[in-house]
Amino acid sequence: MTDEDVYRVVLNDEEQYSIWLADRDLPLGWRAEGTAGSKQECLDRIQQVWTDMRPRSLREQMP
Protein backbone atom coordinates (compact mmCIF):
# COMPACT_ATOMS: atom_id res chain seq x y z
CA MET A 1 0.00 0.00 0.00
CA THR A 2 1.17 3.47 -0.83
CA ASP A 3 0.05 7.03 -0.20
CA GLU A 4 -1.34 7.00 -3.74
CA ASP A 5 -3.73 4.08 -3.16
CA VAL A 6 -7.39 4.77 -3.82
CA TYR A 7 -9.85 3.54 -1.23
CA ARG A 8 -13.60 3.43 -1.11
CA VAL A 9 -16.04 3.60 1.74
CA VAL A 10 -18.01 0.40 2.18
CA LEU A 11 -20.78 -0.71 4.49
CA ASN A 12 -22.52 -3.92 5.40
CA ASP A 13 -26.15 -4.85 6.04
CA GLU A 14 -25.80 -3.69 9.65
CA GLU A 15 -24.74 -0.25 8.35
CA GLN A 16 -21.25 -0.59 9.79
CA TYR A 17 -18.63 1.31 7.78
CA SER A 18 -15.11 0.49 6.70
CA ILE A 19 -12.64 1.33 3.94
CA TRP A 20 -11.45 -1.00 1.20
CA LEU A 21 -8.85 -0.66 -1.52
CA ALA A 22 -10.76 0.39 -4.64
CA ASP A 23 -8.95 -2.04 -6.94
CA ARG A 24 -10.00 -5.09 -4.91
CA ASP A 25 -13.25 -7.01 -5.04
CA LEU A 26 -15.49 -6.35 -2.07
CA PRO A 27 -15.87 -9.14 0.46
CA LEU A 28 -19.25 -10.83 0.72
CA GLY A 29 -21.76 -8.82 2.68
CA TRP A 30 -20.22 -5.42 1.90
CA ARG A 31 -21.26 -2.80 -0.66
CA ALA A 32 -19.77 0.46 -1.87
CA GLU A 33 -21.19 3.58 -0.22
CA GLY A 34 -20.19 5.84 -3.10
CA THR A 35 -17.17 7.68 -1.71
CA ALA A 36 -13.69 7.01 -3.10
CA GLY A 37 -10.39 8.78 -2.58
CA SER A 38 -7.39 8.78 -0.30
CA LYS A 39 -7.44 6.80 2.91
CA GLN A 40 -7.87 10.00 4.91
CA GLU A 41 -10.71 11.26 2.70
CA CYS A 42 -12.55 7.99 3.22
CA LEU A 43 -11.95 7.99 6.96
CA ASP A 44 -13.18 11.60 7.12
CA ARG A 45 -16.36 10.59 5.27
CA ILE A 46 -16.99 7.73 7.71
CA GLN A 47 -16.52 10.08 10.66
CA GLN A 48 -19.05 12.44 9.09
CA VAL A 49 -21.79 9.89 8.38
CA TRP A 50 -21.35 7.14 10.99
CA THR A 51 -22.63 8.97 14.03
CA ASP A 52 -24.27 5.98 15.76
CA MET A 53 -21.90 3.04 16.08
CA ARG A 54 -24.62 0.56 17.08
CA PRO A 55 -25.47 -2.05 14.43
CA ARG A 56 -28.72 -1.37 12.55
CA SER A 57 -30.46 -4.39 14.10
CA LEU A 58 -29.78 -3.09 17.62
CA ARG A 59 -30.91 0.45 16.74
CA GLU A 60 -34.19 -0.95 15.40
CA GLN A 61 -34.82 -2.90 18.62
CA MET A 62 -34.31 0.08 20.91
CA PRO A 63 -36.92 2.82 21.32
C-alpha atoms as a PDB file:
ATOM      1  CA  MET A   1       0.000   0.000   0.000  1.00  0.00           C
ATOM      2  CA  THR A   2       1.172   3.465  -0.829  1.00  0.00           C
ATOM      3  CA  ASP A   3       0.046   7.028  -0.196  1.00  0.00           C
ATOM      4  CA  GLU A   4      -1.340   7.000  -3.739  1.00  0.00           C
ATOM      5  CA  ASP A   5      -3.728   4.078  -3.164  1.00  0.00           C
ATOM      6  CA  VAL A   6      -7.388   4.769  -3.822  1.00  0.00           C
ATOM      7  CA  TYR A   7      -9.845   3.543  -1.229  1.00  0.00           C
ATOM      8  CA  ARG A   8     -13.605   3.430  -1.112  1.00  0.00           C
ATOM      9  CA  VAL A   9     -16.042   3.603   1.738  1.00  0.00           C
ATOM     10  CA  VAL A  10     -18.006   0.397   2.182  1.00  0.00           C
ATOM     11  CA  LEU A  11     -20.779  -0.705   4.493  1.00  0.00           C
ATOM     12  CA  ASN A  12     -22.523  -3.924   5.400  1.00  0.00           C
ATOM     13  CA  ASP A  13     -26.152  -4.847   6.045  1.00  0.00           C
ATOM     14  CA  GLU A  14     -25.798  -3.689   9.655  1.00  0.00           C
ATOM     15  CA  GLU A  15     -24.743  -0.252   8.347  1.00  0.00           C
ATOM     16  CA  GLN A  16     -21.248  -0.588   9.785  1.00  0.00           C
ATOM     17  CA  TYR A  17     -18.632   1.312   7.775  1.00  0.00           C
ATOM     18  CA  SER A  18     -15.106   0.494   6.705  1.00  0.00           C
ATOM     19  CA  ILE A  19     -12.643   1.326   3.941  1.00  0.00           C
ATOM     20  CA  TRP A  20     -11.449  -1.004   1.202  1.00  0.00           C
ATOM     21  CA  LEU A  21      -8.853  -0.655  -1.522  1.00  0.00           C
ATOM     22  CA  ALA A  22     -10.760   0.389  -4.643  1.00  0.00           C
ATOM     23  CA  ASP A  23      -8.949  -2.041  -6.937  1.00  0.00           C
ATOM     24  CA  ARG A  24     -10.003  -5.093  -4.910  1.00  0.00           C
ATOM     25  CA  ASP A  25     -13.254  -7.006  -5.043  1.00  0.00           C
ATOM     26  CA  LEU A  26     -15.489  -6.347  -2.071  1.00  0.00           C
ATOM     27  CA  PRO A  27     -15.871  -9.143   0.459  1.00  0.00           C
ATOM     28  CA  LEU A  28     -19.246 -10.835   0.715  1.00  0.00           C
ATOM     29  CA  GLY A  29     -21.761  -8.822   2.680  1.00  0.00           C
ATOM     30  CA  TRP A  30     -20.224  -5.424   1.899  1.00  0.00           C
ATOM     31  CA  ARG A  31     -21.261  -2.802  -0.665  1.00  0.00           C
ATOM     32  CA  ALA A  32     -19.769   0.456  -1.867  1.00  0.00           C
ATOM     33  CA  GLU A  33     -21.194   3.577  -0.221  1.00  0.00           C
ATOM     34  CA  GLY A  34     -20.186   5.837  -3.101  1.00  0.00           C
ATOM     35  CA  THR A  35     -17.168   7.683  -1.707  1.00  0.00           C
ATOM     36  CA  ALA A  36     -13.691   7.006  -3.095  1.00  0.00           C
ATOM     37  CA  GLY A  37     -10.388   8.776  -2.579  1.00  0.00           C
ATOM     38  CA  SER A  38      -7.389   8.775  -0.297  1.00  0.00           C
ATOM     39  CA  LYS A  39      -7.437   6.800   2.915  1.00  0.00           C
ATOM     40  CA  GLN A  40      -7.869  10.000   4.908  1.00  0.00           C
ATOM     41  CA  GLU A  41     -10.714  11.257   2.701  1.00  0.00           C
ATOM     42  CA  CYS A  42     -12.554   7.986   3.219  1.00  0.00           C
ATOM     43  CA  LEU A  43     -11.949   7.993   6.964  1.00  0.00           C
ATOM     44  CA  ASP A  44     -13.182  11.598   7.124  1.00  0.00           C
ATOM     45  CA  ARG A  45     -16.363  10.587   5.275  1.00  0.00           C
ATOM     46  CA  ILE A  46     -16.987   7.735   7.712  1.00  0.00           C
ATOM     47  CA  GLN A  47     -16.515  10.080  10.655  1.00  0.00           C
ATOM     48  CA  GLN A  48     -19.052  12.444   9.091  1.00  0.00           C
ATOM     49  CA  VAL A  49     -21.795   9.889   8.381  1.00  0.00           C
ATOM     50  CA  TRP A  50     -21.349   7.136  10.988  1.00  0.00           C
ATOM     51  CA  THR A  51     -22.634   8.971  14.025  1.00  0.00           C
ATOM     52  CA  ASP A  52     -24.267   5.984  15.755  1.00  0.00           C
ATOM     53  CA  MET A  53     -21.902   3.044  16.081  1.00  0.00           C
ATOM     54  CA  ARG A  54     -24.621   0.562  17.078  1.00  0.00           C
ATOM     55  CA  PRO A  55     -25.474  -2.054  14.434  1.00  0.00           C
ATOM     56  CA  ARG A  56     -28.720  -1.369  12.553  1.00  0.00           C
ATOM     57  CA  SER A  57     -30.463  -4.395  14.104  1.00  0.00           C
ATOM     58  CA  LEU A  58     -29.775  -3.088  17.617  1.00  0.00           C
ATOM     59  CA  ARG A  59     -30.914   0.452  16.738  1.00  0.00           C
ATOM     60  CA  GLU A  60     -34.186  -0.949  15.402  1.00  0.00           C
ATOM     61  CA  GLN A  61     -34.825  -2.903  18.625  1.00  0.00           C
ATOM     62  CA  MET A  62     -34.309   0.081  20.907  1.00  0.00           C
ATOM     63  CA  PRO A  63     -36.916   2.817  21.325  1.00  0.00           C
END
